[in-house]
Amino acid sequence: MEEDRPENVQPESSSSAPSEKKVAFPTINRPGGQSANTSSGKKIVKVVIVLLIIGVLGAGGWFLFQEPKIEKSTEPTPTPFEQEEPTPTTVQIKRSEIKIEVLNGSGISGEAAYLQGQLRNLGYETITTGNADKQDYTTTEVTFSSKVPEEVKNEISGKLKDLYKEVSSDTGSLSGKDIQIIVGLRKGQIAKPTPTSTPKVTATPTPKATGTITPTPSISPTPTP
């Protein structure tokens, strides 16, 4: 028996639109489970990154080359002011004009003339000699006036210390001279003993005896009969 079909239902015509079908692309499986699509995607990403880097570098270089150059005015650097130090002026010492008095106080003859010769060897010419008020000086004493330069003081003091046992120096006012030196004992010299005077012996006169001399009577001889 044939089944009854509804009258209003029409059979599907061949002109109706075909139904949508999904198309699946074949995939190639690689070792490790990584597909070809993933590998190609990474390559594309790398290429894009490289292109971006190249583009950024190119744009930066273009910007640098296109940047207008600003001319900077070069002003001369001011030279710092250097203060010149004053050149020390050397004072010329005129030794020939310095007046020196040498007094012998050692008690040894010729000592003032000896020192006079030593000072002349240094260039001092105006030197007078004499004897001190006493002759028992063991220390050589030198007195400088206030106007004598320090160079002269050091030179003469050094010379005296080379020659004599003991040297004392002082600064004071001197009349008619610049330096006074009282000579003491030189190195190696011994002070002479002071001579002592021998007392004179006064003879005491012997007292003479005084008295009255009684004359002795003379006896006349009796004639013998």
N, C-alpha and C. Protein backbone atom coordinates (compact mmCIF):
# COMPACT_ATOMS: atom_id res chain seq x y z
N MET A 1 0.84 -1.18 0.00
CA MET A 1 0.00 0.00 0.00
C MET A 1 0.88 1.24 0.00
N GLU A 2 0.53 2.10 -0.79
CA GLU A 2 1.28 3.34 -0.84
C GLU A 2 0.82 4.27 0.25
N GLU A 3 1.85 4.92 0.81
CA GLU A 3 1.55 5.89 1.88
C GLU A 3 0.98 7.14 1.27
N ASP A 4 0.05 7.72 2.02
CA ASP A 4 -0.57 8.95 1.54
C ASP A 4 0.35 10.12 1.82
N ARG A 5 0.61 10.88 0.85
CA ARG A 5 1.47 12.09 1.00
C ARG A 5 0.59 13.31 1.06
N PRO A 6 0.95 14.30 1.83
CA PRO A 6 0.14 15.47 1.85
C PRO A 6 0.19 16.17 0.54
N GLU A 7 -0.89 16.80 0.20
CA GLU A 7 -1.00 17.42 -1.11
C GLU A 7 -0.20 18.69 -1.19
N ASN A 8 -0.12 19.41 -0.15
CA ASN A 8 0.56 20.72 -0.18
C ASN A 8 2.06 20.61 -0.16
N VAL A 9 2.56 19.48 0.18
CA VAL A 9 4.02 19.31 0.26
C VAL A 9 4.52 19.04 -1.10
N GLN A 10 5.45 19.89 -1.50
CA GLN A 10 6.06 19.74 -2.80
C GLN A 10 7.40 19.10 -2.66
N PRO A 11 7.77 18.34 -3.55
CA PRO A 11 9.09 17.70 -3.50
C PRO A 11 10.15 18.74 -3.73
N GLU A 12 11.32 18.48 -3.16
CA GLU A 12 12.44 19.41 -3.29
C GLU A 12 12.84 19.50 -4.72
N SER A 13 12.91 20.73 -5.17
CA SER A 13 13.31 20.93 -6.55
C SER A 13 14.81 20.98 -6.64
N SER A 14 15.30 20.73 -7.78
CA SER A 14 16.75 20.70 -8.02
C SER A 14 17.33 22.09 -8.04
N SER A 15 16.40 23.11 -8.13
CA SER A 15 16.92 24.49 -8.19
C SER A 15 17.21 25.10 -6.84
N SER A 16 16.94 24.39 -5.75
CA SER A 16 17.19 24.93 -4.41
C SER A 16 18.68 25.09 -4.15
N ALA A 17 19.10 26.06 -3.24
CA ALA A 17 20.54 26.35 -2.97
C ALA A 17 21.15 25.23 -2.23
N PRO A 18 22.32 24.86 -2.62
CA PRO A 18 23.01 23.77 -1.92
C PRO A 18 23.38 24.18 -0.52
N SER A 19 23.43 23.25 0.35
CA SER A 19 23.79 23.52 1.75
C SER A 19 25.27 23.79 1.88
N GLU A 20 25.66 24.65 2.90
CA GLU A 20 27.07 25.01 3.11
C GLU A 20 27.85 23.84 3.65
N LYS A 21 29.03 23.68 3.13
CA LYS A 21 29.90 22.60 3.55
C LYS A 21 31.22 23.18 4.01
N LYS A 22 31.79 22.70 5.08
CA LYS A 22 33.09 23.13 5.62
C LYS A 22 34.21 22.40 4.93
N VAL A 23 35.20 23.18 4.49
CA VAL A 23 36.36 22.60 3.80
C VAL A 23 37.51 22.59 4.77
N ALA A 24 38.08 21.48 4.99
CA ALA A 24 39.22 21.35 5.91
C ALA A 24 40.47 21.22 5.11
N PHE A 25 41.50 22.11 5.47
CA PHE A 25 42.79 22.03 4.78
C PHE A 25 43.63 20.92 5.40
N PRO A 26 44.36 20.26 4.59
CA PRO A 26 45.19 19.17 5.13
C PRO A 26 46.33 19.76 5.95
N THR A 27 46.62 19.15 7.02
CA THR A 27 47.72 19.55 7.89
C THR A 27 48.78 18.51 7.85
N ILE A 28 50.02 19.02 7.95
CA ILE A 28 51.17 18.11 7.92
C ILE A 28 51.72 18.06 9.33
N ASN A 29 51.69 16.94 9.89
CA ASN A 29 52.20 16.74 11.24
C ASN A 29 53.71 16.60 11.20
N ARG A 30 54.43 17.39 12.03
CA ARG A 30 55.90 17.31 12.15
C ARG A 30 56.27 16.70 13.47
N PRO A 31 57.48 16.26 13.55
CA PRO A 31 57.92 15.66 14.83
C PRO A 31 57.76 16.67 15.95
N GLY A 32 57.36 16.20 17.08
CA GLY A 32 57.14 17.06 18.24
C GLY A 32 55.76 17.64 18.26
N GLY A 33 54.91 17.30 17.32
CA GLY A 33 53.53 17.75 17.33
C GLY A 33 53.33 19.14 16.83
N GLN A 34 54.36 19.83 16.18
CA GLN A 34 54.24 21.20 15.70
C GLN A 34 53.77 21.16 14.27
N SER A 35 52.76 21.86 13.99
CA SER A 35 52.18 21.86 12.65
C SER A 35 52.92 22.83 11.76
N ALA A 36 52.69 22.68 10.44
CA ALA A 36 53.34 23.55 9.47
C ALA A 36 52.81 24.95 9.55
N ASN A 37 51.52 25.08 9.91
CA ASN A 37 50.94 26.42 10.01
C ASN A 37 51.61 27.23 11.11
N THR A 38 51.91 26.58 12.25
CA THR A 38 52.57 27.28 13.37
C THR A 38 53.95 27.75 12.98
N SER A 39 54.73 26.90 12.28
CA SER A 39 56.09 27.25 11.87
C SER A 39 56.09 28.41 10.90
N SER A 40 55.21 28.36 9.94
CA SER A 40 55.16 29.45 8.96
C SER A 40 54.70 30.75 9.61
N GLY A 41 53.84 30.63 10.63
CA GLY A 41 53.38 31.84 11.33
C GLY A 41 54.50 32.52 12.08
N LYS A 42 55.37 31.72 12.68
CA LYS A 42 56.52 32.30 13.41
C LYS A 42 57.48 32.97 12.46
N LYS A 43 57.66 32.37 11.29
CA LYS A 43 58.56 32.98 10.32
C LYS A 43 58.02 34.33 9.88
N ILE A 44 56.71 34.38 9.69
CA ILE A 44 56.11 35.65 9.26
C ILE A 44 56.28 36.71 10.35
N VAL A 45 56.11 36.30 11.62
CA VAL A 45 56.26 37.25 12.71
C VAL A 45 57.69 37.79 12.76
N LYS A 46 58.67 36.89 12.55
CA LYS A 46 60.06 37.32 12.57
C LYS A 46 60.35 38.29 11.45
N VAL A 47 59.81 37.99 10.29
CA VAL A 47 60.04 38.88 9.15
C VAL A 47 59.44 40.25 9.42
N VAL A 48 58.23 40.25 10.00
CA VAL A 48 57.58 41.52 10.29
C VAL A 48 58.40 42.32 11.30
N ILE A 49 58.94 41.66 12.33
CA ILE A 49 59.74 42.36 13.35
C ILE A 49 61.00 42.95 12.74
N VAL A 50 61.64 42.16 11.87
CA VAL A 50 62.86 42.67 11.21
C VAL A 50 62.54 43.88 10.37
N LEU A 51 61.45 43.81 9.63
CA LEU A 51 61.06 44.95 8.80
C LEU A 51 60.77 46.19 9.63
N LEU A 52 60.10 45.97 10.77
CA LEU A 52 59.82 47.10 11.65
C LEU A 52 61.11 47.75 12.16
N ILE A 53 62.07 46.90 12.56
CA ILE A 53 63.36 47.43 13.06
C ILE A 53 64.06 48.22 11.98
N ILE A 54 64.06 47.66 10.76
CA ILE A 54 64.73 48.36 9.66
C ILE A 54 64.04 49.68 9.39
N GLY A 55 62.71 49.67 9.47
CA GLY A 55 61.98 50.91 9.23
C GLY A 55 62.27 51.96 10.28
N VAL A 56 62.32 51.54 11.55
CA VAL A 56 62.61 52.50 12.62
C VAL A 56 64.00 53.08 12.47
N LEU A 57 64.99 52.22 12.16
CA LEU A 57 66.36 52.71 11.99
C LEU A 57 66.46 53.65 10.81
N GLY A 58 65.79 53.30 9.73
CA GLY A 58 65.83 54.17 8.55
C GLY A 58 65.21 55.51 8.82
N ALA A 59 64.07 55.51 9.54
CA ALA A 59 63.42 56.79 9.85
C ALA A 59 64.28 57.64 10.78
N GLY A 60 64.94 56.97 11.76
CA GLY A 60 65.81 57.72 12.66
C GLY A 60 66.98 58.32 11.94
N GLY A 61 67.58 57.56 11.01
CA GLY A 61 68.70 58.10 10.25
C GLY A 61 68.29 59.25 9.37
N TRP A 62 67.15 59.12 8.77
CA TRP A 62 66.65 60.22 7.94
C TRP A 62 66.42 61.47 8.76
N PHE A 63 65.89 61.28 9.98
CA PHE A 63 65.62 62.42 10.86
C PHE A 63 66.92 63.11 11.28
N LEU A 64 67.92 62.28 11.55
CA LEU A 64 69.20 62.87 11.95
C LEU A 64 69.82 63.67 10.83
N PHE A 65 69.76 63.12 9.62
CA PHE A 65 70.36 63.83 8.48
C PHE A 65 69.57 65.06 8.09
N GLN A 66 68.27 65.03 8.30
CA GLN A 66 67.43 66.15 7.94
C GLN A 66 67.38 67.21 9.02
N GLU A 67 67.95 66.95 10.26
CA GLU A 67 67.90 67.92 11.34
C GLU A 67 68.75 69.12 11.01
N PRO A 68 68.21 70.29 11.09
CA PRO A 68 69.01 71.49 10.74
C PRO A 68 70.16 71.67 11.71
N LYS A 69 71.30 71.99 11.16
CA LYS A 69 72.51 72.19 11.96
C LYS A 69 72.49 73.58 12.56
N ILE A 70 72.68 73.62 13.87
CA ILE A 70 72.70 74.89 14.58
C ILE A 70 74.15 75.29 14.77
N GLU A 71 74.51 76.38 14.20
CA GLU A 71 75.87 76.84 14.33
C GLU A 71 76.06 77.51 15.69
N LYS A 72 76.96 76.95 16.42
CA LYS A 72 77.25 77.50 17.74
C LYS A 72 78.36 78.51 17.62
N SER A 73 78.13 79.65 18.21
CA SER A 73 79.16 80.69 18.17
C SER A 73 80.26 80.34 19.16
N THR A 74 81.44 80.20 18.65
CA THR A 74 82.58 79.84 19.51
C THR A 74 83.23 81.11 20.01
N GLU A 75 82.98 81.40 21.25
CA GLU A 75 83.60 82.56 21.87
C GLU A 75 84.93 82.17 22.48
N PRO A 76 85.92 83.00 22.38
CA PRO A 76 87.22 82.65 22.96
C PRO A 76 87.13 82.51 24.47
N THR A 77 87.69 81.42 24.95
CA THR A 77 87.67 81.18 26.39
C THR A 77 88.57 82.18 27.08
N PRO A 78 88.05 82.91 28.04
CA PRO A 78 88.91 83.91 28.71
C PRO A 78 90.03 83.24 29.47
N THR A 79 91.22 83.73 29.27
CA THR A 79 92.39 83.19 29.95
C THR A 79 92.37 83.64 31.41
N PRO A 80 92.46 82.70 32.34
CA PRO A 80 92.46 83.12 33.75
C PRO A 80 93.64 84.01 34.06
N PHE A 81 93.36 85.01 34.86
CA PHE A 81 94.40 85.98 35.20
C PHE A 81 95.42 85.35 36.13
N GLU A 82 96.63 85.32 35.69
CA GLU A 82 97.71 84.74 36.50
C GLU A 82 98.50 85.88 37.13
N GLN A 83 98.49 85.86 38.44
CA GLN A 83 99.23 86.90 39.16
C GLN A 83 100.71 86.56 39.17
N GLU A 84 101.47 87.46 38.64
CA GLU A 84 102.91 87.24 38.58
C GLU A 84 103.51 87.45 39.96
N GLU A 85 104.29 86.46 40.37
CA GLU A 85 104.96 86.57 41.67
C GLU A 85 106.14 87.53 41.54
N PRO A 86 106.30 88.39 42.52
CA PRO A 86 107.42 89.33 42.44
C PRO A 86 108.76 88.61 42.52
N THR A 87 109.63 88.98 41.62
CA THR A 87 110.96 88.37 41.61
C THR A 87 111.76 88.91 42.78
N PRO A 88 112.29 88.00 43.62
CA PRO A 88 113.07 88.49 44.76
C PRO A 88 114.32 89.23 44.31
N THR A 89 114.49 90.42 44.84
CA THR A 89 115.65 91.22 44.47
C THR A 89 116.82 90.86 45.37
N THR A 90 117.93 90.54 44.73
CA THR A 90 119.12 90.16 45.48
C THR A 90 119.88 91.43 45.86
N VAL A 91 120.12 91.56 47.15
CA VAL A 91 120.84 92.73 47.65
C VAL A 91 122.33 92.44 47.58
N GLN A 92 123.05 93.35 46.90
CA GLN A 92 124.49 93.18 46.76
C GLN A 92 125.16 93.69 48.03
N ILE A 93 125.91 92.81 48.67
CA ILE A 93 126.58 93.17 49.92
C ILE A 93 127.94 93.76 49.58
N LYS A 94 128.18 94.98 50.03
CA LYS A 94 129.48 95.62 49.83
C LYS A 94 130.29 95.41 51.09
N ARG A 95 131.06 94.32 51.12
CA ARG A 95 131.84 93.99 52.31
C ARG A 95 132.93 95.01 52.59
N SER A 96 133.40 95.64 51.53
CA SER A 96 134.49 96.59 51.73
C SER A 96 134.05 97.83 52.50
N GLU A 97 132.74 98.10 52.56
CA GLU A 97 132.24 99.27 53.26
C GLU A 97 131.85 99.00 54.71
N ILE A 98 131.93 97.75 55.13
CA ILE A 98 131.55 97.40 56.51
C ILE A 98 132.77 97.59 57.41
N LYS A 99 132.57 98.34 58.47
CA LYS A 99 133.67 98.65 59.39
C LYS A 99 133.68 97.63 60.53
N ILE A 100 134.85 97.01 60.72
CA ILE A 100 135.00 95.97 61.73
C ILE A 100 136.15 96.34 62.66
N GLU A 101 135.92 96.14 63.96
CA GLU A 101 136.97 96.34 64.96
C GLU A 101 137.25 94.99 65.63
N VAL A 102 138.53 94.61 65.63
CA VAL A 102 138.95 93.35 66.23
C VAL A 102 139.84 93.66 67.42
N LEU A 103 139.45 93.19 68.61
CA LEU A 103 140.22 93.42 69.84
C LEU A 103 140.70 92.08 70.37
N ASN A 104 141.97 92.02 70.71
CA ASN A 104 142.56 90.79 71.23
C ASN A 104 142.35 90.74 72.74
N GLY A 105 141.59 89.72 73.18
CA GLY A 105 141.38 89.56 74.62
C GLY A 105 141.81 88.20 75.11
N SER A 106 142.56 87.46 74.27
CA SER A 106 142.96 86.09 74.64
C SER A 106 144.21 86.05 75.50
N GLY A 107 144.99 87.13 75.52
CA GLY A 107 146.26 87.12 76.24
C GLY A 107 147.38 86.54 75.41
N ILE A 108 147.11 86.14 74.18
CA ILE A 108 148.12 85.58 73.28
C ILE A 108 148.37 86.61 72.20
N SER A 109 149.61 87.00 72.03
CA SER A 109 149.93 88.07 71.09
C SER A 109 149.69 87.61 69.65
N GLY A 110 149.25 88.55 68.81
CA GLY A 110 149.06 88.27 67.39
C GLY A 110 147.69 87.73 67.00
N GLU A 111 146.80 87.53 67.96
CA GLU A 111 145.50 86.93 67.65
C GLU A 111 144.58 87.90 66.90
N ALA A 112 144.66 89.18 67.20
CA ALA A 112 143.84 90.16 66.48
C ALA A 112 144.27 90.25 65.02
N ALA A 113 145.58 90.24 64.77
CA ALA A 113 146.06 90.30 63.39
C ALA A 113 145.70 89.02 62.62
N TYR A 114 145.70 87.87 63.33
CA TYR A 114 145.31 86.61 62.68
C TYR A 114 143.87 86.68 62.18
N LEU A 115 142.95 87.14 63.04
CA LEU A 115 141.55 87.23 62.62
C LEU A 115 141.37 88.29 61.55
N GLN A 116 142.15 89.33 61.59
CA GLN A 116 142.07 90.36 60.55
C GLN A 116 142.36 89.76 59.16
N GLY A 117 143.36 88.90 59.09
CA GLY A 117 143.67 88.24 57.82
C GLY A 117 142.57 87.31 57.36
N GLN A 118 141.93 86.59 58.29
CA GLN A 118 140.84 85.69 57.93
C GLN A 118 139.64 86.45 57.37
N LEU A 119 139.35 87.60 57.96
CA LEU A 119 138.22 88.39 57.48
C LEU A 119 138.52 89.05 56.13
N ARG A 120 139.75 89.42 55.91
CA ARG A 120 140.11 89.98 54.60
C ARG A 120 139.98 88.95 53.49
N ASN A 121 140.21 87.70 53.82
CA ASN A 121 140.02 86.65 52.82
C ASN A 121 138.56 86.52 52.39
N LEU A 122 137.64 86.94 53.27
CA LEU A 122 136.22 86.92 52.92
C LEU A 122 135.78 88.15 52.14
N GLY A 123 136.64 89.16 52.03
CA GLY A 123 136.30 90.36 51.27
C GLY A 123 136.12 91.60 52.11
N TYR A 124 136.31 91.51 53.43
CA TYR A 124 136.18 92.68 54.30
C TYR A 124 137.52 93.39 54.35
N GLU A 125 137.48 94.72 54.17
CA GLU A 125 138.74 95.45 54.05
C GLU A 125 138.93 96.47 55.18
N THR A 126 137.86 97.07 55.64
CA THR A 126 137.98 98.11 56.66
C THR A 126 137.98 97.45 58.03
N ILE A 127 139.19 97.06 58.49
CA ILE A 127 139.34 96.32 59.75
C ILE A 127 140.43 96.99 60.58
N THR A 128 140.10 97.34 61.80
CA THR A 128 141.09 97.89 62.73
C THR A 128 141.31 96.88 63.86
N THR A 129 142.51 96.89 64.44
CA THR A 129 142.86 95.94 65.50
C THR A 129 143.32 96.70 66.74
N GLY A 130 143.29 95.99 67.87
CA GLY A 130 143.74 96.57 69.14
C GLY A 130 143.61 95.52 70.23
N ASN A 131 143.81 95.94 71.48
CA ASN A 131 143.72 95.06 72.63
C ASN A 131 142.45 95.37 73.43
N ALA A 132 141.88 94.33 73.99
CA ALA A 132 140.68 94.49 74.81
C ALA A 132 141.05 95.04 76.17
N ASP A 133 140.02 95.34 76.98
CA ASP A 133 140.28 95.91 78.29
C ASP A 133 140.88 94.90 79.24
N LYS A 134 140.73 93.62 78.94
CA LYS A 134 141.36 92.57 79.75
C LYS A 134 141.80 91.44 78.83
N GLN A 135 142.67 90.59 79.32
CA GLN A 135 143.29 89.56 78.49
C GLN A 135 142.97 88.14 78.98
N ASP A 136 141.80 87.94 79.54
CA ASP A 136 141.44 86.61 80.03
C ASP A 136 140.14 86.09 79.38
N TYR A 137 139.86 86.57 78.14
CA TYR A 137 138.67 86.10 77.43
C TYR A 137 138.92 84.68 76.90
N THR A 138 138.02 83.77 77.23
CA THR A 138 138.06 82.43 76.62
C THR A 138 137.00 82.30 75.52
N THR A 139 135.90 83.06 75.64
CA THR A 139 134.83 83.07 74.63
C THR A 139 135.00 84.27 73.72
N THR A 140 134.88 84.04 72.42
CA THR A 140 134.95 85.13 71.46
C THR A 140 133.58 85.80 71.38
N GLU A 141 133.56 87.12 71.60
CA GLU A 141 132.31 87.87 71.63
C GLU A 141 132.23 88.79 70.42
N VAL A 142 131.09 88.71 69.68
CA VAL A 142 130.88 89.55 68.50
C VAL A 142 129.59 90.32 68.69
N THR A 143 129.65 91.63 68.39
CA THR A 143 128.48 92.51 68.50
C THR A 143 128.24 93.14 67.14
N PHE A 144 127.00 93.01 66.64
CA PHE A 144 126.60 93.56 65.35
C PHE A 144 125.71 94.78 65.58
N SER A 145 125.86 95.78 64.74
CA SER A 145 124.92 96.90 64.77
C SER A 145 123.64 96.49 64.05
N SER A 146 122.57 97.23 64.27
CA SER A 146 121.27 96.86 63.72
C SER A 146 121.20 96.98 62.20
N LYS A 147 122.08 97.72 61.58
CA LYS A 147 122.04 97.91 60.13
C LYS A 147 122.84 96.87 59.35
N VAL A 148 123.49 95.95 60.04
CA VAL A 148 124.26 94.91 59.35
C VAL A 148 123.30 93.89 58.75
N PRO A 149 123.40 93.55 57.46
CA PRO A 149 122.51 92.56 56.85
C PRO A 149 122.67 91.18 57.47
N GLU A 150 121.59 90.39 57.38
CA GLU A 150 121.61 89.05 57.95
C GLU A 150 122.66 88.17 57.27
N GLU A 151 122.88 88.38 55.98
CA GLU A 151 123.88 87.57 55.27
C GLU A 151 125.26 87.77 55.87
N VAL A 152 125.58 89.02 56.24
CA VAL A 152 126.89 89.31 56.83
C VAL A 152 126.97 88.70 58.23
N LYS A 153 125.89 88.81 58.99
CA LYS A 153 125.89 88.22 60.33
C LYS A 153 126.13 86.71 60.27
N ASN A 154 125.42 86.05 59.37
CA ASN A 154 125.57 84.59 59.26
C ASN A 154 126.97 84.21 58.79
N GLU A 155 127.53 85.00 57.87
CA GLU A 155 128.85 84.68 57.32
C GLU A 155 129.93 84.82 58.39
N ILE A 156 129.93 85.93 59.10
CA ILE A 156 130.98 86.17 60.11
C ILE A 156 130.79 85.24 61.30
N SER A 157 129.55 85.02 61.74
CA SER A 157 129.33 84.10 62.86
C SER A 157 129.78 82.69 62.50
N GLY A 158 129.50 82.27 61.28
CA GLY A 158 129.95 80.94 60.85
C GLY A 158 131.46 80.81 60.81
N LYS A 159 132.14 81.89 60.36
CA LYS A 159 133.61 81.87 60.32
C LYS A 159 134.20 81.81 61.72
N LEU A 160 133.63 82.59 62.64
CA LEU A 160 134.14 82.57 64.01
C LEU A 160 133.93 81.21 64.67
N LYS A 161 132.79 80.57 64.40
CA LYS A 161 132.53 79.25 64.99
C LYS A 161 133.48 78.19 64.43
N ASP A 162 133.97 78.41 63.21
CA ASP A 162 134.95 77.47 62.65
C ASP A 162 136.33 77.63 63.30
N LEU A 163 136.63 78.83 63.80
CA LEU A 163 137.98 79.10 64.30
C LEU A 163 138.10 78.99 65.81
N TYR A 164 137.07 79.39 66.55
CA TYR A 164 137.22 79.56 67.99
C TYR A 164 136.40 78.53 68.77
N LYS A 165 136.80 78.34 70.03
CA LYS A 165 136.16 77.33 70.87
C LYS A 165 134.69 77.68 71.13
N GLU A 166 134.47 78.88 71.63
CA GLU A 166 133.12 79.32 71.95
C GLU A 166 132.91 80.71 71.37
N VAL A 167 131.68 80.93 70.84
CA VAL A 167 131.35 82.21 70.22
C VAL A 167 129.98 82.64 70.71
N SER A 168 129.89 83.90 71.16
CA SER A 168 128.59 84.47 71.54
C SER A 168 128.37 85.72 70.70
N SER A 169 127.15 85.88 70.20
CA SER A 169 126.84 87.03 69.34
C SER A 169 125.71 87.84 69.96
N ASP A 170 125.71 89.14 69.65
CA ASP A 170 124.70 90.04 70.20
C ASP A 170 124.51 91.19 69.21
N THR A 171 123.41 91.91 69.37
CA THR A 171 123.11 93.08 68.54
C THR A 171 122.99 94.29 69.45
N GLY A 172 123.69 95.35 69.11
CA GLY A 172 123.66 96.55 69.93
C GLY A 172 124.12 97.75 69.14
N SER A 173 124.18 98.88 69.80
CA SER A 173 124.62 100.12 69.16
C SER A 173 126.13 100.25 69.29
N LEU A 174 126.77 100.53 68.18
CA LEU A 174 128.22 100.69 68.15
C LEU A 174 128.55 102.06 67.60
N SER A 175 129.56 102.66 68.13
CA SER A 175 129.95 104.01 67.70
C SER A 175 131.12 103.92 66.73
N GLY A 176 130.89 104.40 65.50
CA GLY A 176 131.96 104.48 64.50
C GLY A 176 132.30 103.16 63.85
N LYS A 177 131.55 102.10 64.10
CA LYS A 177 131.83 100.80 63.49
C LYS A 177 130.54 100.00 63.35
N ASP A 178 130.60 98.98 62.53
CA ASP A 178 129.43 98.12 62.31
C ASP A 178 129.52 96.81 63.09
N ILE A 179 130.74 96.32 63.29
CA ILE A 179 130.92 95.04 63.98
C ILE A 179 132.12 95.17 64.91
N GLN A 180 131.97 94.63 66.13
CA GLN A 180 133.09 94.58 67.07
C GLN A 180 133.28 93.13 67.51
N ILE A 181 134.53 92.67 67.45
CA ILE A 181 134.85 91.29 67.81
C ILE A 181 135.95 91.32 68.87
N ILE A 182 135.68 90.71 70.00
CA ILE A 182 136.70 90.52 71.04
C ILE A 182 137.14 89.06 70.96
N VAL A 183 138.39 88.88 70.62
CA VAL A 183 138.92 87.54 70.34
C VAL A 183 139.18 86.80 71.63
N GLY A 184 138.68 85.55 71.68
CA GLY A 184 138.98 84.65 72.79
C GLY A 184 139.96 83.58 72.33
N LEU A 185 139.84 82.39 72.91
CA LEU A 185 140.77 81.32 72.57
C LEU A 185 140.32 80.59 71.32
N ARG A 186 141.29 80.32 70.45
CA ARG A 186 141.01 79.50 69.27
C ARG A 186 140.92 78.03 69.66
N LYS A 187 140.43 77.22 68.74
CA LYS A 187 140.36 75.78 68.99
C LYS A 187 141.77 75.21 69.13
N GLY A 188 142.00 74.50 70.22
CA GLY A 188 143.32 73.92 70.47
C GLY A 188 144.22 74.78 71.32
N GLN A 189 143.83 76.03 71.60
CA GLN A 189 144.66 76.90 72.43
C GLN A 189 144.30 76.73 73.91
N ILE A 190 145.31 76.98 74.75
CA ILE A 190 145.14 76.91 76.20
C ILE A 190 145.48 78.28 76.78
N ALA A 191 144.67 78.71 77.71
CA ALA A 191 144.91 80.02 78.31
C ALA A 191 146.21 80.02 79.09
N LYS A 192 146.97 81.08 78.94
CA LYS A 192 148.22 81.20 79.68
C LYS A 192 147.92 81.53 81.14
N PRO A 193 148.67 80.92 82.04
CA PRO A 193 148.43 81.24 83.46
C PRO A 193 148.84 82.67 83.74
N THR A 194 148.10 83.31 84.62
CA THR A 194 148.41 84.69 84.99
C THR A 194 149.63 84.70 85.90
N PRO A 195 150.68 85.44 85.54
CA PRO A 195 151.89 85.43 86.39
C PRO A 195 151.61 86.09 87.74
N THR A 196 152.14 85.43 88.81
CA THR A 196 151.97 85.97 90.17
C THR A 196 153.27 86.67 90.58
N SER A 197 153.16 87.82 91.22
CA SER A 197 154.34 88.59 91.62
C SER A 197 154.94 88.01 92.90
N THR A 198 156.29 87.91 92.95
CA THR A 198 157.00 87.38 94.12
C THR A 198 157.18 88.50 95.14
N PRO A 199 156.75 88.29 96.38
CA PRO A 199 156.89 89.38 97.36
C PRO A 199 158.37 89.64 97.68
N LYS A 200 158.72 90.92 97.84
CA LYS A 200 160.10 91.30 98.18
C LYS A 200 160.33 91.14 99.69
N VAL A 201 161.54 90.59 100.02
CA VAL A 201 161.90 90.38 101.44
C VAL A 201 162.67 91.61 101.91
N THR A 202 162.16 92.21 102.95
CA THR A 202 162.83 93.40 103.51
C THR A 202 163.71 92.96 104.69
N ALA A 203 165.01 93.26 104.60
CA ALA A 203 165.95 92.87 105.68
C ALA A 203 165.74 93.73 106.91
N THR A 204 165.65 93.06 108.08
CA THR A 204 165.47 93.79 109.34
C THR A 204 166.86 94.11 109.92
N PRO A 205 167.19 95.36 110.19
CA PRO A 205 168.53 95.69 110.73
C PRO A 205 168.68 95.17 112.16
N THR A 206 169.93 94.69 112.47
CA THR A 206 170.22 94.18 113.81
C THR A 206 170.43 95.35 114.75
N PRO A 207 169.72 95.40 115.87
CA PRO A 207 169.89 96.56 116.78
C PRO A 207 171.30 96.57 117.40
N LYS A 208 171.88 97.73 117.47
CA LYS A 208 173.22 97.89 118.08
C LYS A 208 173.08 98.09 119.60
N ALA A 209 174.08 97.47 120.37
CA ALA A 209 174.06 97.61 121.84
C ALA A 209 174.62 98.96 122.26
N THR A 210 173.96 99.56 123.18
CA THR A 210 174.39 100.87 123.68
C THR A 210 174.73 100.75 125.17
N GLY A 211 175.79 101.46 125.67
CA GLY A 211 176.17 101.43 127.09
C GLY A 211 177.39 102.33 127.37
N THR A 212 177.68 102.48 128.63
CA THR A 212 178.83 103.33 129.02
C THR A 212 180.01 102.42 129.33
N ILE A 213 181.11 102.69 128.70
CA ILE A 213 182.31 101.87 128.93
C ILE A 213 183.12 102.49 130.07
N THR A 214 183.34 101.66 131.12
CA THR A 214 184.13 102.15 132.28
C THR A 214 185.60 101.85 132.03
N PRO A 215 186.44 102.88 132.09
CA PRO A 215 187.87 102.61 131.84
C PRO A 215 188.52 101.77 132.95
N THR A 216 189.36 100.83 132.60
CA THR A 216 190.05 99.97 133.57
C THR A 216 191.35 100.66 134.01
N PRO A 217 191.55 100.82 135.34
CA PRO A 217 192.78 101.52 135.79
C PRO A 217 194.00 100.64 135.50
N SER A 218 195.04 101.25 135.11
CA SER A 218 196.27 100.55 134.83
C SER A 218 197.15 100.57 136.08
N ILE A 219 197.77 99.41 136.41
CA ILE A 219 198.63 99.31 137.61
C ILE A 219 200.09 99.50 137.18
N SER A 220 200.66 100.39 137.82
CA SER A 220 202.07 100.65 137.49
C SER A 220 202.92 99.58 138.18
N PRO A 221 203.87 99.04 137.53
CA PRO A 221 204.71 98.01 138.18
C PRO A 221 205.62 98.65 139.30
N THR A 222 205.74 97.89 140.40
CA THR A 222 206.58 98.38 141.50
C THR A 222 208.02 97.97 141.19
N PRO A 223 208.89 98.91 141.29
CA PRO A 223 210.30 98.51 141.01
C PRO A 223 210.85 97.58 142.10
N THR A 224 211.55 96.58 141.69
CA THR A 224 212.15 95.65 142.64
C THR A 224 213.45 96.30 143.14
N PRO A 225 213.42 96.24 144.31
CA PRO A 225 214.68 96.86 144.85
C PRO A 225 215.86 95.98 144.51
